Amino acid sequence: MDVKAKVEEIVKKIQADPNLLKEFQSDPVKVVEKLAGVDIPDGVEDQLVAGVKNALAGNKVGNVVDSAVDAVKGLFGGNKEE
C-alpha cells in the first residue's frame, strides 16, 4: 500500500468529520492508528502525525510524508509504493 495514499485517506476522513477533527486535536496518535487500522510503532508516530497535521494545514502530503516513508515501510502492508 502507498503510504502517501494512506495519509491522504486519513486526512480526508478527518476533514470530513468535525468530531474526528476534535478527537485528532486531543489525541492525534490514537486517531491516526484507528483510521490506519494498525498500531504505529513508537518513534514513527510523531512523523506520521506531523504528516497528517501538515496535510490538514494545506501542505502537499508528498512533501511532508517523504521524510517518514523509510521509517514506515511495510507498516501498511508493503513498500512506499507498490
Protein backbone atom coordinates (compact mmCIF):
# COMPACT_ATOMS: atom_id res chain seq x y z
CA MET A 1 0.00 0.00 0.00
CA ASP A 2 1.14 3.51 -0.77
CA VAL A 3 1.93 5.40 2.45
CA LYS A 4 1.14 8.75 0.85
CA ALA A 5 -2.25 7.46 -0.24
CA LYS A 6 -2.95 6.19 3.27
CA VAL A 7 -2.10 9.60 4.78
CA GLU A 8 -4.30 11.31 2.19
CA GLU A 9 -7.13 8.93 3.09
CA ILE A 10 -6.72 9.71 6.79
CA VAL A 11 -6.66 13.46 6.11
CA LYS A 12 -9.85 13.27 4.03
CA LYS A 13 -11.66 11.38 6.79
CA ILE A 14 -10.57 13.90 9.42
CA GLN A 15 -11.54 16.86 7.22
CA ALA A 16 -14.98 15.36 6.57
CA ASP A 17 -15.85 14.80 10.24
CA PRO A 18 -15.70 17.72 12.72
CA ASN A 19 -15.91 15.32 15.67
CA LEU A 20 -13.00 13.31 14.33
CA LEU A 21 -11.04 16.54 13.90
CA LYS A 22 -11.64 17.41 17.56
CA GLU A 23 -10.58 13.91 18.57
CA PHE A 24 -7.46 14.23 16.40
CA GLN A 25 -6.60 17.54 18.05
CA SER A 26 -6.78 15.97 21.52
CA ASP A 27 -5.16 12.59 20.73
CA PRO A 28 -3.67 12.53 17.22
CA VAL A 29 -1.80 9.23 17.58
CA LYS A 30 -4.93 7.37 18.65
CA VAL A 31 -6.94 8.77 15.73
CA VAL A 32 -4.24 8.03 13.14
CA GLU A 33 -3.86 4.47 14.45
CA LYS A 34 -7.63 3.97 14.41
CA LEU A 35 -8.02 5.27 10.87
CA ALA A 36 -4.93 3.47 9.59
CA GLY A 37 -6.00 0.21 11.16
CA VAL A 38 -2.53 -0.51 12.54
CA ASP A 39 -0.57 0.04 15.73
CA ILE A 40 2.04 2.63 14.80
CA PRO A 41 5.43 1.86 16.34
CA ASP A 42 6.99 4.30 18.78
CA GLY A 43 9.29 6.69 17.00
CA VAL A 44 7.19 6.64 13.85
CA GLU A 45 4.07 8.09 15.45
CA ASP A 46 5.39 11.64 15.56
CA GLN A 47 6.40 11.58 11.91
CA LEU A 48 3.03 10.29 10.69
CA VAL A 49 1.08 12.64 12.92
CA ALA A 50 3.22 15.54 11.69
CA GLY A 51 2.46 14.49 8.12
CA VAL A 52 -1.27 14.44 8.79
CA LYS A 53 -1.13 17.80 10.60
CA ASN A 54 0.81 19.38 7.74
CA ALA A 55 -1.61 17.98 5.19
CA LEU A 56 -4.55 19.32 7.22
CA ALA A 57 -2.81 22.71 7.16
CA GLY A 58 -2.84 22.60 3.37
CA ASN A 59 0.64 21.32 2.59
CA LYS A 60 1.10 18.63 -0.04
CA VAL A 61 1.09 15.17 1.52
CA GLY A 62 4.04 14.03 -0.58
CA ASN A 63 6.27 16.74 0.77
CA VAL A 64 5.53 16.00 4.42
CA VAL A 65 5.45 12.21 4.24
CA ASP A 66 8.65 11.58 2.28
CA SER A 67 10.81 12.02 5.36
CA ALA A 68 8.85 9.36 7.23
CA VAL A 69 8.49 6.80 4.44
CA ASP A 70 11.64 4.83 5.23
CA ALA A 71 10.53 4.54 8.85
CA VAL A 72 7.10 3.22 7.92
CA LYS A 73 7.88 0.91 5.00
CA GLY A 74 5.88 -2.22 5.50
CA LEU A 75 3.64 -0.65 8.15
CA PHE A 76 0.64 -0.66 5.83
CA GLY A 77 1.44 -3.97 4.21
CA GLY A 78 4.05 -3.04 1.66
CA ASN A 79 6.62 -0.59 0.42
CA LYS A 80 6.20 3.14 -0.12
CA GLU A 81 4.58 2.41 -3.45
CA GLU A 82 3.56 -0.93 -4.88
